[in-house]
Each structure stands twice: as structure tokens, then as C-alpha cells.
Amino acid sequence: MAASTQLVAFTLDDFEARTGSAASIIRTIAGLYLRHEAAPVARTKILALATAAEVSAPTAQTAISRLADRGVLEAAGTSSLQVTAAAHAMFARGDRRIFTPRQMADEELWCLVAYSLPETMRPLRHQVRKHFLQLGGGLVNAGLWIFPGYLREEVLQVLGALEVRSYATVFTTQTPDFPEGAMQAARQWWDLGRLESMHSTFLESTAALDAQPASPAAAYRGYVAMVDAWRALPYLDPGLPDAMLPGNWPGRPSRERFLALSRAYGPGARHFATALLKG
């Protein structure tokens, strides 16, 4: 993938969008279903998918146009749209993070990134920070970040996309010798309060979903809403080991809830969406 396309794919990530908003829901629908279509999809069918997920048609129209402006969707003919190449890359990168979330074991390796950008590249410092945070990185101090070792390839992709790889040294190492203990380090390097709140909100937002959906339409509606509420979490939360987290950390039940509901709702949701797209 060309560096420019790769960079666009990273910039399309949007973890600040309000969960449940029309644009967020349709972005989720694009990632789940539209990108797998071999041919462009009629705008009317995208609207039907949106309204089936409880987005009103007028609001969906506006959101679709907004996603086209942002480079997630693009026109393909007078009345059809398709997922852009950069968005395909973004969604493909998200497959592992979203649908197979990981948590570190205590003995797993860490990835450390040390870098220093010259003053002439000051604007890129913000970009590195933004993308490292969205990968779940912990800021140890200025110019030094820490990630679970299994995120090393994604770290290298960000450095390559921003064209700053030559300014960074990447280490893979055993557990650091934390000066004040692992839990204190986690509190200093990651915003655990925010992550805890996000996990708790996800658990609350999915509490009303039954163990088994009543119909394919209900499976689709529940699954899209559930994935939309979840999709940013496995990026921002790196999956720290238990030794670094409070005993009542909601991340584990949150992941278990997501995986259980995916098994229960995913197949029916795909059947419903496929029937609507092919009908």
C-alpha cells in the first residue's frame, strides 16, 4: 500500500464520534457489510440498512453525505456508493482489534518506542501522539511510548505512514522494572479512568440485549448498535495484564459480553443484511 493511502487509512479512524449517532451507525454498517459487496451499493439499500438500525431516513441521508465528504464512502454512478480504498484498509486493520480483542498475560513482551523529531517537523509530533493514543499506547514521557508487544506491527505501520520511521527506535523487551509498581505505572501512562468509564458504558448499553435475538431483524438492530458501541474500545484499551489493573476492572466482562453477543447476534444480523442487500 502506498504511504499516502496508508496514511489516509489511519486518518479515517474516528474514535471521538458520538456512539449511536447516524454517522457512527452508518460507518459501522459500512465496516460490517458494505465493504464486502463486490459491486457498488444503491443508495436506497444503504438507507434501508440505516433505517433498519433505527436511523431515520432524512438523518441517514445527511450522514451518508458526511461520510462521503470524509472519504469513507464515494459515489459510484448516479445513485450508488462504495467504500473507498482507504476505508477498506482501515476496516481491514480493524478486524483483529475489534473482533478478536486481546489481553496481555503477565509474562508477555512489551514494545517501547523512543523517537525525537526535529523542530522543522513539529506538526508531526501531534500526529504521532494522536495515532499512538489511538493504538492504545501509554506515554511514559516525552518521546517514549509503551505498547503491548503484539501491537508492534501496528506501531511500525503508523511510523511508516507518517514517514518518521527513521527518527524512531523500537525495542521489544521483557516486563519493565516499574519504579513504583505496575499499577502505579499504568495509572501514570494510560488514562485508566476514561477506559474504565467506556467499558462500564458499554456494559450498561448492552444490558437490555437478550441472550438470543427474537428475529433476524432484531439480531441486525442489536448487533449494529452493539458493535458501534464497542468498536473504539479495543483500540484505545491496549489490554493491559491483570497485574497492572484494579481488581474490579470492567474490561474483562466487557470483552466477554462483546464476544458472547457477537456469537448470538452476528449470524442472524448478517442473514438479515444480506437479504436486504440482495433483495
C-alpha atoms as a PDB file:
ATOM      1  CA  MET A   1       0.000   0.000   0.000  1.00  0.00           C
ATOM      2  CA  ALA A   2       1.370   3.404  -0.902  1.00  0.00           C
ATOM      3  CA  ALA A   3       2.381   5.531   2.048  1.00  0.00           C
ATOM      4  CA  SER A   4      -0.179   8.199   1.147  1.00  0.00           C
ATOM      5  CA  THR A   5      -3.031   5.676   1.037  1.00  0.00           C
ATOM      6  CA  GLN A   6      -1.817   4.099   4.252  1.00  0.00           C
ATOM      7  CA  LEU A   7      -1.776   7.470   5.981  1.00  0.00           C
ATOM      8  CA  VAL A   8      -5.290   8.272   4.768  1.00  0.00           C
ATOM      9  CA  ALA A   9      -6.433   4.916   6.134  1.00  0.00           C
ATOM     10  CA  PHE A  10      -5.141   5.901   9.575  1.00  0.00           C
ATOM     11  CA  THR A  11      -6.643   9.380   9.447  1.00  0.00           C
ATOM     12  CA  LEU A  12     -10.070   7.902   8.710  1.00  0.00           C
ATOM     13  CA  ASP A  13     -10.187   6.394  12.194  1.00  0.00           C
ATOM     14  CA  ASP A  14     -12.731   8.354  14.190  1.00  0.00           C
ATOM     15  CA  PHE A  15     -12.908   7.428  17.859  1.00  0.00           C
ATOM     16  CA  GLU A  16     -14.338  10.723  19.012  1.00  0.00           C
ATOM     17  CA  ALA A  17     -17.621  10.364  17.103  1.00  0.00           C
ATOM     18  CA  ARG A  18     -20.633  10.012  19.375  1.00  0.00           C
ATOM     19  CA  THR A  19     -21.619   6.369  19.643  1.00  0.00           C
ATOM     20  CA  GLY A  20     -25.108   5.859  18.287  1.00  0.00           C
ATOM     21  CA  SER A  21     -25.056   8.942  16.065  1.00  0.00           C
ATOM     22  CA  ALA A  22     -26.255   8.458  12.495  1.00  0.00           C
ATOM     23  CA  ALA A  23     -22.759   8.902  11.044  1.00  0.00           C
ATOM     24  CA  SER A  24     -21.304   6.447  13.548  1.00  0.00           C
ATOM     25  CA  ILE A  25     -24.007   3.829  12.890  1.00  0.00           C
ATOM     26  CA  ILE A  26     -23.620   4.037   9.104  1.00  0.00           C
ATOM     27  CA  ARG A  27     -19.823   3.888   9.426  1.00  0.00           C
ATOM     28  CA  THR A  28     -20.329   0.684  11.415  1.00  0.00           C
ATOM     29  CA  ILE A  29     -22.710  -0.675   8.751  1.00  0.00           C
ATOM     30  CA  ALA A  30     -20.093   0.124   6.088  1.00  0.00           C
ATOM     31  CA  GLY A  31     -17.452  -1.806   8.013  1.00  0.00           C
ATOM     32  CA  LEU A  32     -19.686  -4.779   8.738  1.00  0.00           C
ATOM     33  CA  TYR A  33     -21.456  -5.182   5.395  1.00  0.00           C
ATOM     34  CA  LEU A  34     -20.932  -2.627   2.632  1.00  0.00           C
ATOM     35  CA  ARG A  35     -17.197  -3.236   2.228  1.00  0.00           C
ATOM     36  CA  HIS A  36     -17.800  -6.907   1.467  1.00  0.00           C
ATOM     37  CA  GLU A  37     -20.018  -6.129  -1.530  1.00  0.00           C
ATOM     38  CA  ALA A  38     -18.295  -6.751  -4.866  1.00  0.00           C
ATOM     39  CA  ALA A  39     -20.303  -4.065  -6.644  1.00  0.00           C
ATOM     40  CA  PRO A  40     -21.372  -0.565  -5.601  1.00  0.00           C
ATOM     41  CA  VAL A  41     -24.492  -0.485  -3.434  1.00  0.00           C
ATOM     42  CA  ALA A  42     -27.572   1.515  -4.324  1.00  0.00           C
ATOM     43  CA  ARG A  43     -28.096   4.470  -2.023  1.00  0.00           C
ATOM     44  CA  THR A  44     -31.646   3.253  -1.377  1.00  0.00           C
ATOM     45  CA  LYS A  45     -30.296  -0.006   0.045  1.00  0.00           C
ATOM     46  CA  ILE A  46     -27.845   1.818   2.303  1.00  0.00           C
ATOM     47  CA  LEU A  47     -30.780   3.875   3.533  1.00  0.00           C
ATOM     48  CA  ALA A  48     -32.729   0.675   4.154  1.00  0.00           C
ATOM     49  CA  LEU A  49     -29.862  -0.732   6.215  1.00  0.00           C
ATOM     50  CA  ALA A  50     -29.721   2.521   8.172  1.00  0.00           C
ATOM     51  CA  THR A  51     -33.457   2.678   8.886  1.00  0.00           C
ATOM     52  CA  ALA A  52     -33.416  -0.998   9.932  1.00  0.00           C
ATOM     53  CA  ALA A  53     -30.824   0.100  12.523  1.00  0.00           C
ATOM     54  CA  GLU A  54     -33.280   2.779  13.725  1.00  0.00           C
ATOM     55  CA  VAL A  55     -31.738   5.761  11.928  1.00  0.00           C
ATOM     56  CA  SER A  56     -34.377   7.990  10.333  1.00  0.00           C
ATOM     57  CA  ALA A  57     -34.174   8.336   6.551  1.00  0.00           C
ATOM     58  CA  PRO A  58     -33.555  12.125   6.492  1.00  0.00           C
ATOM     59  CA  THR A  59     -30.835  11.816   9.144  1.00  0.00           C
ATOM     60  CA  ALA A  60     -29.291   8.887   7.280  1.00  0.00           C
ATOM     61  CA  GLN A  61     -29.186  10.881   4.038  1.00  0.00           C
ATOM     62  CA  THR A  62     -27.198  13.616   5.757  1.00  0.00           C
ATOM     63  CA  ALA A  63     -24.884  11.109   7.463  1.00  0.00           C
ATOM     64  CA  ILE A  64     -24.152   9.308   4.181  1.00  0.00           C
ATOM     65  CA  SER A  65     -23.155  12.603   2.577  1.00  0.00           C
ATOM     66  CA  ARG A  66     -20.964  13.386   5.571  1.00  0.00           C
ATOM     67  CA  LEU A  67     -19.184  10.033   5.304  1.00  0.00           C
ATOM     68  CA  ALA A  68     -18.604  10.695   1.601  1.00  0.00           C
ATOM     69  CA  ASP A  69     -17.079  14.061   2.475  1.00  0.00           C
ATOM     70  CA  ARG A  70     -14.810  12.330   4.999  1.00  0.00           C
ATOM     71  CA  GLY A  71     -13.586   9.769   2.456  1.00  0.00           C
ATOM     72  CA  VAL A  72     -15.268   6.667   3.885  1.00  0.00           C
ATOM     73  CA  LEU A  73     -17.775   6.350   1.034  1.00  0.00           C
ATOM     74  CA  GLU A  74     -17.608   7.542  -2.561  1.00  0.00           C
ATOM     75  CA  ALA A  75     -20.065   7.861  -5.407  1.00  0.00           C
ATOM     76  CA  ALA A  76     -20.087   5.073  -7.980  1.00  0.00           C
ATOM     77  CA  GLY A  77     -22.580   6.156 -10.619  1.00  0.00           C
ATOM     78  CA  THR A  78     -25.555   8.420 -10.169  1.00  0.00           C
ATOM     79  CA  SER A  79     -27.296   6.557  -7.339  1.00  0.00           C
ATOM     80  CA  SER A  80     -24.799   4.088  -5.854  1.00  0.00           C
ATOM     81  CA  LEU A  81     -21.892   4.275  -3.420  1.00  0.00           C
ATOM     82  CA  GLN A  82     -18.934   2.142  -2.473  1.00  0.00           C
ATOM     83  CA  VAL A  83     -16.381   2.013   0.308  1.00  0.00           C
ATOM     84  CA  THR A  84     -13.179   3.861  -0.632  1.00  0.00           C
ATOM     85  CA  ALA A  85      -9.828   2.087  -0.910  1.00  0.00           C
ATOM     86  CA  ALA A  86      -8.508   3.872   2.183  1.00  0.00           C
ATOM     87  CA  ALA A  87     -11.611   2.912   4.171  1.00  0.00           C
ATOM     88  CA  HIS A  88     -11.189  -0.709   3.050  1.00  0.00           C
ATOM     89  CA  ALA A  89      -7.689  -0.591   4.535  1.00  0.00           C
ATOM     90  CA  MET A  90      -8.993   0.995   7.737  1.00  0.00           C
ATOM     91  CA  PHE A  91     -11.731  -1.605   8.177  1.00  0.00           C
ATOM     92  CA  ALA A  92      -9.367  -4.494   7.414  1.00  0.00           C
ATOM     93  CA  ARG A  93      -6.948  -3.218  10.054  1.00  0.00           C
ATOM     94  CA  GLY A  94      -9.829  -3.030  12.492  1.00  0.00           C
ATOM     95  CA  ASP A  95     -10.881  -6.654  12.033  1.00  0.00           C
ATOM     96  CA  ARG A  96      -8.396  -8.062  14.519  1.00  0.00           C
ATOM     97  CA  ARG A  97      -8.624  -5.240  17.019  1.00  0.00           C
ATOM     98  CA  ILE A  98     -12.420  -5.150  17.114  1.00  0.00           C
ATOM     99  CA  PHE A  99     -13.414  -8.798  16.743  1.00  0.00           C
ATOM    100  CA  THR A 100     -10.548 -10.611  18.492  1.00  0.00           C
ATOM    101  CA  PRO A 101      -9.668  -8.300  21.403  1.00  0.00           C
ATOM    102  CA  ARG A 102      -6.648  -9.384  23.407  1.00  0.00           C
ATOM    103  CA  GLN A 103      -5.426  -9.016  26.945  1.00  0.00           C
ATOM    104  CA  MET A 104      -1.768  -9.359  27.836  1.00  0.00           C
ATOM    105  CA  ALA A 105      -0.520 -12.144  30.047  1.00  0.00           C
ATOM    106  CA  ASP A 106       1.893 -11.017  32.762  1.00  0.00           C
ATOM    107  CA  GLU A 107       4.857 -12.682  31.018  1.00  0.00           C
ATOM    108  CA  GLU A 108       4.244 -11.244  27.526  1.00  0.00           C
ATOM    109  CA  LEU A 109       6.642  -8.853  25.834  1.00  0.00           C
ATOM    110  CA  TRP A 110       6.342  -5.070  25.586  1.00  0.00           C
ATOM    111  CA  CYS A 111       7.123  -2.753  22.687  1.00  0.00           C
ATOM    112  CA  LEU A 112       8.904   0.518  23.518  1.00  0.00           C
ATOM    113  CA  VAL A 113       9.207   3.364  21.013  1.00  0.00           C
ATOM    114  CA  ALA A 114      11.711   6.170  21.512  1.00  0.00           C
ATOM    115  CA  TYR A 115      11.727   9.000  18.990  1.00  0.00           C
ATOM    116  CA  SER A 116      12.838  12.597  18.549  1.00  0.00           C
ATOM    117  CA  LEU A 117      11.545  14.770  15.730  1.00  0.00           C
ATOM    118  CA  PRO A 118      13.394  17.934  14.700  1.00  0.00           C
ATOM    119  CA  GLU A 119      11.747  21.320  15.157  1.00  0.00           C
ATOM    120  CA  THR A 120      11.004  21.502  11.435  1.00  0.00           C
ATOM    121  CA  MET A 121       8.681  18.504  11.903  1.00  0.00           C
ATOM    122  CA  ARG A 122       6.770  19.922  14.866  1.00  0.00           C
ATOM    123  CA  PRO A 123       3.303  19.347  13.270  1.00  0.00           C
ATOM    124  CA  LEU A 124       4.077  15.633  13.022  1.00  0.00           C
ATOM    125  CA  ARG A 125       4.619  15.402  16.775  1.00  0.00           C
ATOM    126  CA  HIS A 126       0.897  15.911  17.266  1.00  0.00           C
ATOM    127  CA  GLN A 127       0.110  13.303  14.617  1.00  0.00           C
ATOM    128  CA  VAL A 128       2.386  10.713  16.224  1.00  0.00           C
ATOM    129  CA  ARG A 129       0.797  11.360  19.624  1.00  0.00           C
ATOM    130  CA  LYS A 130      -2.735  11.162  18.214  1.00  0.00           C
ATOM    131  CA  HIS A 131      -2.171   7.872  16.402  1.00  0.00           C
ATOM    132  CA  PHE A 132      -0.199   6.293  19.239  1.00  0.00           C
ATOM    133  CA  LEU A 133      -3.050   7.095  21.629  1.00  0.00           C
ATOM    134  CA  GLN A 134      -5.497   5.549  19.179  1.00  0.00           C
ATOM    135  CA  LEU A 135      -3.385   2.394  19.117  1.00  0.00           C
ATOM    136  CA  GLY A 136      -3.635   2.128  22.897  1.00  0.00           C
ATOM    137  CA  GLY A 137      -0.132   3.391  23.629  1.00  0.00           C
ATOM    138  CA  GLY A 138       0.995   4.568  27.045  1.00  0.00           C
ATOM    139  CA  LEU A 139       3.005   7.793  27.287  1.00  0.00           C
ATOM    140  CA  VAL A 140       5.957   7.163  29.602  1.00  0.00           C
ATOM    141  CA  ASN A 141       7.458  10.599  28.981  1.00  0.00           C
ATOM    142  CA  ALA A 142       8.045  12.944  26.052  1.00  0.00           C
ATOM    143  CA  GLY A 143       9.308  10.844  23.159  1.00  0.00           C
ATOM    144  CA  LEU A 144       8.903   7.458  24.867  1.00  0.00           C
ATOM    145  CA  TRP A 145       5.814   5.258  24.454  1.00  0.00           C
ATOM    146  CA  ILE A 146       4.967   1.746  25.600  1.00  0.00           C
ATOM    147  CA  PHE A 147       2.647  -0.793  23.946  1.00  0.00           C
ATOM    148  CA  PRO A 148       1.891  -4.481  24.361  1.00  0.00           C
ATOM    149  CA  GLY A 149       4.307  -6.420  22.182  1.00  0.00           C
ATOM    150  CA  TYR A 150       1.519  -7.698  19.938  1.00  0.00           C
ATOM    151  CA  LEU A 151       0.929  -4.126  18.732  1.00  0.00           C
ATOM    152  CA  ARG A 152       4.471  -3.777  17.376  1.00  0.00           C
ATOM    153  CA  GLU A 153       3.461  -4.173  13.719  1.00  0.00           C
ATOM    154  CA  GLU A 154       0.736  -1.556  14.051  1.00  0.00           C
ATOM    155  CA  VAL A 155       3.228   0.827  15.658  1.00  0.00           C
ATOM    156  CA  LEU A 156       5.576   0.322  12.709  1.00  0.00           C
ATOM    157  CA  GLN A 157       2.710   0.940  10.293  1.00  0.00           C
ATOM    158  CA  VAL A 158       1.954   4.286  11.948  1.00  0.00           C
ATOM    159  CA  LEU A 159       5.611   5.337  11.862  1.00  0.00           C
ATOM    160  CA  GLY A 160       5.818   4.328   8.210  1.00  0.00           C
ATOM    161  CA  ALA A 161       2.577   6.059   7.252  1.00  0.00           C
ATOM    162  CA  LEU A 162       3.740   9.300   8.890  1.00  0.00           C
ATOM    163  CA  GLU A 163       7.191   8.884   7.277  1.00  0.00           C
ATOM    164  CA  VAL A 164       9.028   9.203  10.581  1.00  0.00           C
ATOM    165  CA  ARG A 165      10.347   5.639  10.895  1.00  0.00           C
ATOM    166  CA  SER A 166      13.954   6.839  10.597  1.00  0.00           C
ATOM    167  CA  TYR A 167      13.503   9.025  13.705  1.00  0.00           C
ATOM    168  CA  ALA A 168      12.294   6.196  15.966  1.00  0.00           C
ATOM    169  CA  THR A 169      13.962   3.265  17.691  1.00  0.00           C
ATOM    170  CA  VAL A 170      11.657   0.360  18.508  1.00  0.00           C
ATOM    171  CA  PHE A 171      12.516  -2.105  21.272  1.00  0.00           C
ATOM    172  CA  THR A 172      10.883  -5.379  22.261  1.00  0.00           C
ATOM    173  CA  THR A 173      11.525  -6.128  25.907  1.00  0.00           C
ATOM    174  CA  GLN A 174      10.506  -8.090  28.956  1.00  0.00           C
ATOM    175  CA  THR A 175       8.474  -6.543  31.767  1.00  0.00           C
ATOM    176  CA  PRO A 176       9.949  -3.155  32.739  1.00  0.00           C
ATOM    177  CA  ASP A 177      11.206  -2.587  36.273  1.00  0.00           C
ATOM    178  CA  PHE A 178       8.458  -0.211  37.394  1.00  0.00           C
ATOM    179  CA  PRO A 179       9.770   2.320  39.958  1.00  0.00           C
ATOM    180  CA  GLU A 180       6.531   2.432  41.989  1.00  0.00           C
ATOM    181  CA  GLY A 181       4.865  -0.785  40.942  1.00  0.00           C
ATOM    182  CA  ALA A 182       2.917  -1.929  37.896  1.00  0.00           C
ATOM    183  CA  MET A 183      -0.454  -0.447  38.897  1.00  0.00           C
ATOM    184  CA  GLN A 184       1.011   2.984  39.558  1.00  0.00           C
ATOM    185  CA  ALA A 185       2.789   2.888  36.198  1.00  0.00           C
ATOM    186  CA  ALA A 186      -0.471   2.018  34.446  1.00  0.00           C
ATOM    187  CA  ARG A 187      -2.259   4.940  36.101  1.00  0.00           C
ATOM    188  CA  GLN A 188       0.515   7.320  35.007  1.00  0.00           C
ATOM    189  CA  TRP A 189       0.919   6.078  31.434  1.00  0.00           C
ATOM    190  CA  TRP A 190      -2.714   5.407  30.430  1.00  0.00           C
ATOM    191  CA  ASP A 191      -5.982   7.194  31.131  1.00  0.00           C
ATOM    192  CA  LEU A 192      -7.470   4.294  33.060  1.00  0.00           C
ATOM    193  CA  GLY A 193     -10.355   6.429  34.300  1.00  0.00           C
ATOM    194  CA  ARG A 194     -11.544   7.069  30.771  1.00  0.00           C
ATOM    195  CA  LEU A 195     -11.131   3.435  29.750  1.00  0.00           C
ATOM    196  CA  GLU A 196     -12.995   2.227  32.823  1.00  0.00           C
ATOM    197  CA  SER A 197     -15.857   4.606  32.041  1.00  0.00           C
ATOM    198  CA  MET A 198     -16.012   3.425  28.426  1.00  0.00           C
ATOM    199  CA  HIS A 199     -16.170  -0.249  29.442  1.00  0.00           C
ATOM    200  CA  SER A 200     -18.855   0.467  32.035  1.00  0.00           C
ATOM    201  CA  THR A 201     -20.877   2.429  29.478  1.00  0.00           C
ATOM    202  CA  PHE A 202     -20.646  -0.469  27.018  1.00  0.00           C
ATOM    203  CA  LEU A 203     -21.868  -2.922  29.642  1.00  0.00           C
ATOM    204  CA  GLU A 204     -24.768  -0.619  30.515  1.00  0.00           C
ATOM    205  CA  SER A 205     -25.710  -0.002  26.876  1.00  0.00           C
ATOM    206  CA  THR A 206     -25.902  -3.739  26.121  1.00  0.00           C
ATOM    207  CA  ALA A 207     -27.598  -4.843  29.333  1.00  0.00           C
ATOM    208  CA  ALA A 208     -31.035  -4.934  27.680  1.00  0.00           C
ATOM    209  CA  LEU A 209     -29.968  -7.259  24.844  1.00  0.00           C
ATOM    210  CA  ASP A 210     -31.389 -10.763  25.270  1.00  0.00           C
ATOM    211  CA  ALA A 211     -29.167 -13.804  25.168  1.00  0.00           C
ATOM    212  CA  GLN A 212     -30.846 -14.724  21.874  1.00  0.00           C
ATOM    213  CA  PRO A 213     -32.466 -12.227  19.485  1.00  0.00           C
ATOM    214  CA  ALA A 214     -36.151 -12.689  18.682  1.00  0.00           C
ATOM    215  CA  SER A 215     -35.742 -12.377  14.889  1.00  0.00           C
ATOM    216  CA  PRO A 216     -33.135 -11.648  12.194  1.00  0.00           C
ATOM    217  CA  ALA A 217     -34.284  -8.003  12.180  1.00  0.00           C
ATOM    218  CA  ALA A 218     -33.788  -7.801  15.949  1.00  0.00           C
ATOM    219  CA  ALA A 219     -30.400  -9.504  15.588  1.00  0.00           C
ATOM    220  CA  TYR A 220     -29.349  -6.940  12.992  1.00  0.00           C
ATOM    221  CA  ARG A 221     -30.575  -3.971  15.007  1.00  0.00           C
ATOM    222  CA  GLY A 222     -28.921  -5.188  18.209  1.00  0.00           C
ATOM    223  CA  TYR A 223     -25.681  -6.262  16.559  1.00  0.00           C
ATOM    224  CA  VAL A 224     -25.094  -2.996  14.707  1.00  0.00           C
ATOM    225  CA  ALA A 225     -25.770  -0.982  17.872  1.00  0.00           C
ATOM    226  CA  MET A 226     -23.543  -3.267  19.932  1.00  0.00           C
ATOM    227  CA  VAL A 227     -20.583  -3.161  17.514  1.00  0.00           C
ATOM    228  CA  ASP A 228     -20.978   0.608  17.196  1.00  0.00           C
ATOM    229  CA  ALA A 229     -20.793   0.973  20.971  1.00  0.00           C
ATOM    230  CA  TRP A 230     -17.751  -1.316  21.132  1.00  0.00           C
ATOM    231  CA  ARG A 231     -15.576  -0.541  18.100  1.00  0.00           C
ATOM    232  CA  ALA A 232     -13.390   2.210  19.608  1.00  0.00           C
ATOM    233  CA  LEU A 233     -12.724   0.364  22.863  1.00  0.00           C
ATOM    234  CA  PRO A 234     -10.294  -2.339  21.678  1.00  0.00           C
ATOM    235  CA  TYR A 235      -8.189   0.358  20.015  1.00  0.00           C
ATOM    236  CA  LEU A 236      -7.976   2.733  22.944  1.00  0.00           C
ATOM    237  CA  ASP A 237      -7.666  -0.064  25.526  1.00  0.00           C
ATOM    238  CA  PRO A 238      -4.433  -1.998  24.828  1.00  0.00           C
ATOM    239  CA  GLY A 239      -5.455  -4.943  27.024  1.00  0.00           C
ATOM    240  CA  LEU A 240      -3.065  -4.479  29.934  1.00  0.00           C
ATOM    241  CA  PRO A 241      -2.222  -7.510  32.095  1.00  0.00           C
ATOM    242  CA  ASP A 242      -4.189  -8.125  35.283  1.00  0.00           C
ATOM    243  CA  ALA A 243      -1.176  -7.184  37.409  1.00  0.00           C
ATOM    244  CA  MET A 244      -1.468  -3.583  36.172  1.00  0.00           C
ATOM    245  CA  LEU A 245      -5.222  -3.210  36.688  1.00  0.00           C
ATOM    246  CA  PRO A 246      -7.579  -2.759  39.655  1.00  0.00           C
ATOM    247  CA  GLY A 247      -9.331  -5.892  40.855  1.00  0.00           C
ATOM    248  CA  ASN A 248     -12.756  -4.672  39.741  1.00  0.00           C
ATOM    249  CA  TRP A 249     -11.610  -3.678  36.251  1.00  0.00           C
ATOM    250  CA  PRO A 250     -14.609  -3.873  33.862  1.00  0.00           C
ATOM    251  CA  GLY A 251     -12.520  -4.647  30.775  1.00  0.00           C
ATOM    252  CA  ARG A 252     -12.736  -8.420  31.091  1.00  0.00           C
ATOM    253  CA  PRO A 253     -16.563  -8.636  31.480  1.00  0.00           C
ATOM    254  CA  SER A 254     -16.854  -6.043  28.728  1.00  0.00           C
ATOM    255  CA  ARG A 255     -14.839  -8.205  26.307  1.00  0.00           C
ATOM    256  CA  GLU A 256     -16.743 -11.330  27.358  1.00  0.00           C
ATOM    257  CA  ARG A 257     -20.064  -9.554  26.766  1.00  0.00           C
ATOM    258  CA  PHE A 258     -18.971  -8.409  23.313  1.00  0.00           C
ATOM    259  CA  LEU A 259     -17.825 -11.880  22.265  1.00  0.00           C
ATOM    260  CA  ALA A 260     -20.941 -13.596  23.632  1.00  0.00           C
ATOM    261  CA  LEU A 261     -23.304 -11.158  21.916  1.00  0.00           C
ATOM    262  CA  SER A 262     -21.318 -11.421  18.687  1.00  0.00           C
ATOM    263  CA  ARG A 263     -21.856 -15.178  18.661  1.00  0.00           C
ATOM    264  CA  ALA A 264     -25.550 -14.788  19.433  1.00  0.00           C
ATOM    265  CA  TYR A 265     -26.377 -11.853  17.162  1.00  0.00           C
ATOM    266  CA  GLY A 266     -23.794 -11.888  14.371  1.00  0.00           C
ATOM    267  CA  PRO A 267     -25.107 -14.719  12.149  1.00  0.00           C
ATOM    268  CA  GLY A 268     -28.729 -13.528  12.206  1.00  0.00           C
ATOM    269  CA  ALA A 269     -27.619  -9.962  11.580  1.00  0.00           C
ATOM    270  CA  ARG A 270     -25.586 -10.994   8.536  1.00  0.00           C
ATOM    271  CA  HIS A 271     -28.507 -13.033   7.183  1.00  0.00           C
ATOM    272  CA  PHE A 272     -30.801 -10.012   7.512  1.00  0.00           C
ATOM    273  CA  ALA A 273     -28.312  -7.580   5.926  1.00  0.00           C
ATOM    274  CA  THR A 274     -27.515  -9.970   3.056  1.00  0.00           C
ATOM    275  CA  ALA A 275     -31.206 -10.473   2.289  1.00  0.00           C
ATOM    276  CA  LEU A 276     -31.773  -6.728   2.261  1.00  0.00           C
ATOM    277  CA  LEU A 277     -28.768  -6.045   0.031  1.00  0.00           C
ATOM    278  CA  LYS A 278     -29.657  -8.792  -2.427  1.00  0.00           C
ATOM    279  CA  GLY A 279     -33.407  -8.152  -2.430  1.00  0.00           C
END
